[in-house]
Structure formats: C-alpha cells, structure tokens
C-alpha cells in the first residue's frame, strides 16, 4: 500500500511540472505575438 501511494505521489508531481512547463511555453508564445503585434501597429 505504501509503495502504491509513493507511485501515485510521483505521478502527480510530475504531471504538475509538465502542465506548468506547458503553461510557461504558451505564455511566452503569447508575449512574442503581442510584441510583434505592437511593432506592426506602430508602423501605421
């Protein structure tokens, strides 16, 4: 039973880090798109 709990905790923690990393990647992509959009708008 103890081993199963440890495995469950390990999977939960690794999933949280994966989701957090994906969120950071999406946020960085959004920042890049916003920056490019501002640059294009300032040209007009």
PDB file of N, CA and C in Angstrom:
ATOM      1  N   UNK A   1       0.819  -1.192   0.000  1.00  0.00           N
ATOM      2  CA  UNK A   1       0.000   0.000   0.000  1.00  0.00           C
ATOM      3  C   UNK A   1       0.867   1.261   0.000  1.00  0.00           C
ATOM      4  N   UNK A   2       1.922   1.245   0.789  1.00  0.00           N
ATOM      5  CA  UNK A   2       2.817   2.394   0.870  1.00  0.00           C
ATOM      6  C   UNK A   2       3.477   2.656  -0.477  1.00  0.00           C
ATOM      7  N   UNK A   3       3.885   1.618  -1.169  1.00  0.00           N
ATOM      8  CA  UNK A   3       4.517   1.757  -2.476  1.00  0.00           C
ATOM      9  C   UNK A   3       3.542   2.370  -3.482  1.00  0.00           C
ATOM     10  N   UNK A   4       2.299   1.938  -3.435  1.00  0.00           N
ATOM     11  CA  UNK A   4       1.302   2.488  -4.361  1.00  0.00           C
ATOM     12  C   UNK A   4       1.086   3.977  -4.103  1.00  0.00           C
ATOM     13  N   UNK A   5       1.083   4.392  -2.852  1.00  0.00           N
ATOM     14  CA  UNK A   5       0.926   5.810  -2.516  1.00  0.00           C
ATOM     15  C   UNK A   5       2.113   6.619  -3.028  1.00  0.00           C
ATOM     16  N   UNK A   6       3.317   6.093  -2.873  1.00  0.00           N
ATOM     17  CA  UNK A   6       4.505   6.791  -3.355  1.00  0.00           C
ATOM     18  C   UNK A   6       4.491   6.935  -4.881  1.00  0.00           C
ATOM     19  N   UNK A   7       4.057   5.902  -5.560  1.00  0.00           N
ATOM     20  CA  UNK A   7       3.965   5.962  -7.022  1.00  0.00           C
ATOM     21  C   UNK A   7       2.926   6.990  -7.440  1.00  0.00           C
ATOM     22  N   UNK A   8       1.804   7.021  -6.771  1.00  0.00           N
ATOM     23  CA  UNK A   8       0.755   7.992  -7.076  1.00  0.00           C
ATOM     24  C   UNK A   8       1.254   9.417  -6.859  1.00  0.00           C
ATOM     25  N   UNK A   9       1.954   9.657  -5.778  1.00  0.00           N
ATOM     26  CA  UNK A   9       2.510  10.987  -5.498  1.00  0.00           C
ATOM     27  C   UNK A   9       3.521  11.370  -6.567  1.00  0.00           C
ATOM     28  N   UNK A  10       4.360  10.448  -6.982  1.00  0.00           N
ATOM     29  CA  UNK A  10       5.363  10.734  -8.006  1.00  0.00           C
ATOM     30  C   UNK A  10       4.697  11.115  -9.327  1.00  0.00           C
ATOM     31  N   UNK A  11       3.671  10.398  -9.730  1.00  0.00           N
ATOM     32  CA  UNK A  11       2.959  10.724 -10.967  1.00  0.00           C
ATOM     33  C   UNK A  11       2.272  12.079 -10.871  1.00  0.00           C
ATOM     34  N   UNK A  12       1.701  12.372  -9.726  1.00  0.00           N
ATOM     35  CA  UNK A  12       1.005  13.648  -9.535  1.00  0.00           C
ATOM     36  C   UNK A  12       1.987  14.810  -9.636  1.00  0.00           C
ATOM     37  N   UNK A  13       3.117  14.691  -8.989  1.00  0.00           N
ATOM     38  CA  UNK A  13       4.107  15.767  -9.027  1.00  0.00           C
ATOM     39  C   UNK A  13       4.686  15.957 -10.431  1.00  0.00           C
ATOM     40  N   UNK A  14       4.944  14.884 -11.134  1.00  0.00           N
ATOM     41  CA  UNK A  14       5.496  15.014 -12.480  1.00  0.00           C
ATOM     42  C   UNK A  14       4.471  15.619 -13.427  1.00  0.00           C
ATOM     43  N   UNK A  15       3.202  15.313 -13.243  1.00  0.00           N
ATOM     44  CA  UNK A  15       2.154  15.896 -14.083  1.00  0.00           C
ATOM     45  C   UNK A  15       2.039  17.393 -13.833  1.00  0.00           C
ATOM     46  N   UNK A  16       2.162  17.819 -12.591  1.00  0.00           N
ATOM     47  CA  UNK A  16       2.075  19.243 -12.269  1.00  0.00           C
ATOM     48  C   UNK A  16       3.207  20.008 -12.936  1.00  0.00           C
ATOM     49  N   UNK A  17       4.409  19.472 -12.913  1.00  0.00           N
ATOM     50  CA  UNK A  17       5.539  20.151 -13.538  1.00  0.00           C
ATOM     51  C   UNK A  17       5.357  20.222 -15.047  1.00  0.00           C
ATOM     52  N   UNK A  18       4.796  19.203 -15.648  1.00  0.00           N
ATOM     53  CA  UNK A  18       4.584  19.189 -17.085  1.00  0.00           C
ATOM     54  C   UNK A  18       3.561  20.245 -17.485  1.00  0.00           C
ATOM     55  N   UNK A  19       2.485  20.340 -16.753  1.00  0.00           N
ATOM     56  CA  UNK A  19       1.449  21.329 -17.042  1.00  0.00           C
ATOM     57  C   UNK A  19       1.991  22.738 -16.822  1.00  0.00           C
ATOM     58  N   UNK A  20       2.774  22.923 -15.781  1.00  0.00           N
ATOM     59  CA  UNK A  20       3.355  24.235 -15.504  1.00  0.00           C
ATOM     60  C   UNK A  20       4.309  24.628 -16.626  1.00  0.00           C
ATOM     61  N   UNK A  21       5.111  23.706 -17.109  1.00  0.00           N
ATOM     62  CA  UNK A  21       6.026  23.990 -18.209  1.00  0.00           C
ATOM     63  C   UNK A  21       5.283  24.347 -19.483  1.00  0.00           C
ATOM     64  N   UNK A  22       4.205  23.641 -19.755  1.00  0.00           N
ATOM     65  CA  UNK A  22       3.405  23.945 -20.944  1.00  0.00           C
ATOM     66  C   UNK A  22       2.775  25.325 -20.812  1.00  0.00           C
ATOM     67  N   UNK A  23       2.314  25.662 -19.630  1.00  0.00           N
ATOM     68  CA  UNK A  23       1.732  26.981 -19.406  1.00  0.00           C
ATOM     69  C   UNK A  23       2.740  28.085 -19.628  1.00  0.00           C
ATOM     70  N   UNK A  24       3.954  27.881 -19.213  1.00  0.00           N
ATOM     71  CA  UNK A  24       5.008  28.876 -19.418  1.00  0.00           C
ATOM     72  C   UNK A  24       5.326  29.024 -20.899  1.00  0.00           C
ATOM     73  N   UNK A  25       5.368  27.921 -21.633  1.00  0.00           N
ATOM     74  CA  UNK A  25       5.624  27.977 -23.072  1.00  0.00           C
ATOM     75  C   UNK A  25       4.528  28.749 -23.793  1.00  0.00           C
ATOM     76  N   UNK A  26       3.290  28.491 -23.435  1.00  0.00           N
ATOM     77  CA  UNK A  26       2.159  29.182 -24.066  1.00  0.00           C
ATOM     78  C   UNK A  26       2.204  30.669 -23.728  1.00  0.00           C
ATOM     79  N   UNK A  27       2.543  30.984 -22.491  1.00  0.00           N
ATOM     80  CA  UNK A  27       2.644  32.384 -22.078  1.00  0.00           C
ATOM     81  C   UNK A  27       3.744  33.105 -22.854  1.00  0.00           C
ATOM     82  N   UNK A  28       4.891  32.458 -23.018  1.00  0.00           N
ATOM     83  CA  UNK A  28       5.994  33.054 -23.774  1.00  0.00           C
ATOM     84  C   UNK A  28       5.602  33.276 -25.230  1.00  0.00           C
ATOM     85  N   UNK A  29       4.889  32.332 -25.810  1.00  0.00           N
ATOM     86  CA  UNK A  29       4.435  32.489 -27.193  1.00  0.00           C
ATOM     87  C   UNK A  29       3.457  33.658 -27.299  1.00  0.00           C
ATOM     88  N   UNK A  30       2.561  33.803 -26.338  1.00  0.00           N
ATOM     89  CA  UNK A  30       1.618  34.917 -26.329  1.00  0.00           C
ATOM     90  C   UNK A  30       2.328  36.250 -26.202  1.00  0.00           C
ATOM     91  N   UNK A  31       3.359  36.301 -25.376  1.00  0.00           N
ATOM     92  CA  UNK A  31       4.140  37.534 -25.231  1.00  0.00           C
ATOM     93  C   UNK A  31       4.820  37.902 -26.544  1.00  0.00           C
ATOM     94  N   UNK A  32       5.361  36.912 -27.241  1.00  0.00           N
ATOM     95  CA  UNK A  32       6.030  37.166 -28.514  1.00  0.00           C
ATOM     96  C   UNK A  32       5.041  37.684 -29.555  1.00  0.00           C
ATOM     97  N   UNK A  33       3.870  37.090 -29.603  1.00  0.00           N
ATOM     98  CA  UNK A  33       2.836  37.527 -30.561  1.00  0.00           C
ATOM     99  C   UNK A  33       2.392  38.951 -30.239  1.00  0.00           C
ATOM    100  N   UNK A  34       2.213  39.244 -28.957  1.00  0.00           N
ATOM    101  CA  UNK A  34       1.810  40.600 -28.562  1.00  0.00           C
ATOM    102  C   UNK A  34       2.868  41.624 -28.949  1.00  0.00           C
ATOM    103  N   UNK A  35       4.117  41.284 -28.739  1.00  0.00           N
ATOM    104  CA  UNK A  35       5.208  42.191 -29.098  1.00  0.00           C
ATOM    105  C   UNK A  35       5.245  42.462 -30.591  1.00  0.00           C
ATOM    106  N   UNK A  36       5.097  41.434 -31.394  1.00  0.00           N
ATOM    107  CA  UNK A  36       5.083  41.600 -32.848  1.00  0.00           C
ATOM    108  C   UNK A  36       3.881  42.429 -33.292  1.00  0.00           C
ATOM    109  N   UNK A  37       2.749  42.206 -32.661  1.00  0.00           N
ATOM    110  CA  UNK A  37       1.542  42.952 -32.994  1.00  0.00           C
ATOM    111  C   UNK A  37       1.728  44.441 -32.706  1.00  0.00           C
ATOM    112  N   UNK A  38       2.310  44.760 -31.563  1.00  0.00           N
ATOM    113  CA  UNK A  38       2.567  46.166 -31.223  1.00  0.00           C
ATOM    114  C   UNK A  38       3.530  46.805 -32.225  1.00  0.00           C
ATOM    115  N   UNK A  39       4.526  46.039 -32.630  1.00  0.00           N
ATOM    116  CA  UNK A  39       5.513  46.553 -33.585  1.00  0.00           C
ATOM    117  C   UNK A  39       4.850  46.864 -34.933  1.00  0.00           C
ATOM    118  N   UNK A  40       3.998  45.975 -35.408  1.00  0.00           N
ATOM    119  CA  UNK A  40       3.311  46.191 -36.680  1.00  0.00           C
ATOM    120  C   UNK A  40       2.356  47.368 -36.585  1.00  0.00           C
ATOM    121  N   UNK A  41       1.634  47.488 -35.471  1.00  0.00           N
ATOM    122  CA  UNK A  41       0.691  48.581 -35.300  1.00  0.00           C
ATOM    123  C   UNK A  41       1.407  49.934 -35.228  1.00  0.00           C
ATOM    124  N   UNK A  42       2.594  49.966 -34.687  1.00  0.00           N
ATOM    125  CA  UNK A  42       3.317  51.226 -34.560  1.00  0.00           C
ATOM    126  C   UNK A  42       3.845  51.696 -35.918  1.00  0.00           C
ATOM    127  N   UNK A  43       3.897  50.828 -36.897  1.00  0.00           N
ATOM    128  CA  UNK A  43       4.377  51.195 -38.236  1.00  0.00           C
ATOM    129  C   UNK A  43       3.311  51.960 -39.016  1.00  0.00           C
ATOM    130  N   UNK A  44       2.059  51.892 -38.589  1.00  0.00           N
ATOM    131  CA  UNK A  44       0.987  52.556 -39.331  1.00  0.00           C
ATOM    132  C   UNK A  44       0.596  53.841 -38.712  1.00  0.00           C
TER     133      UNK A  44
END
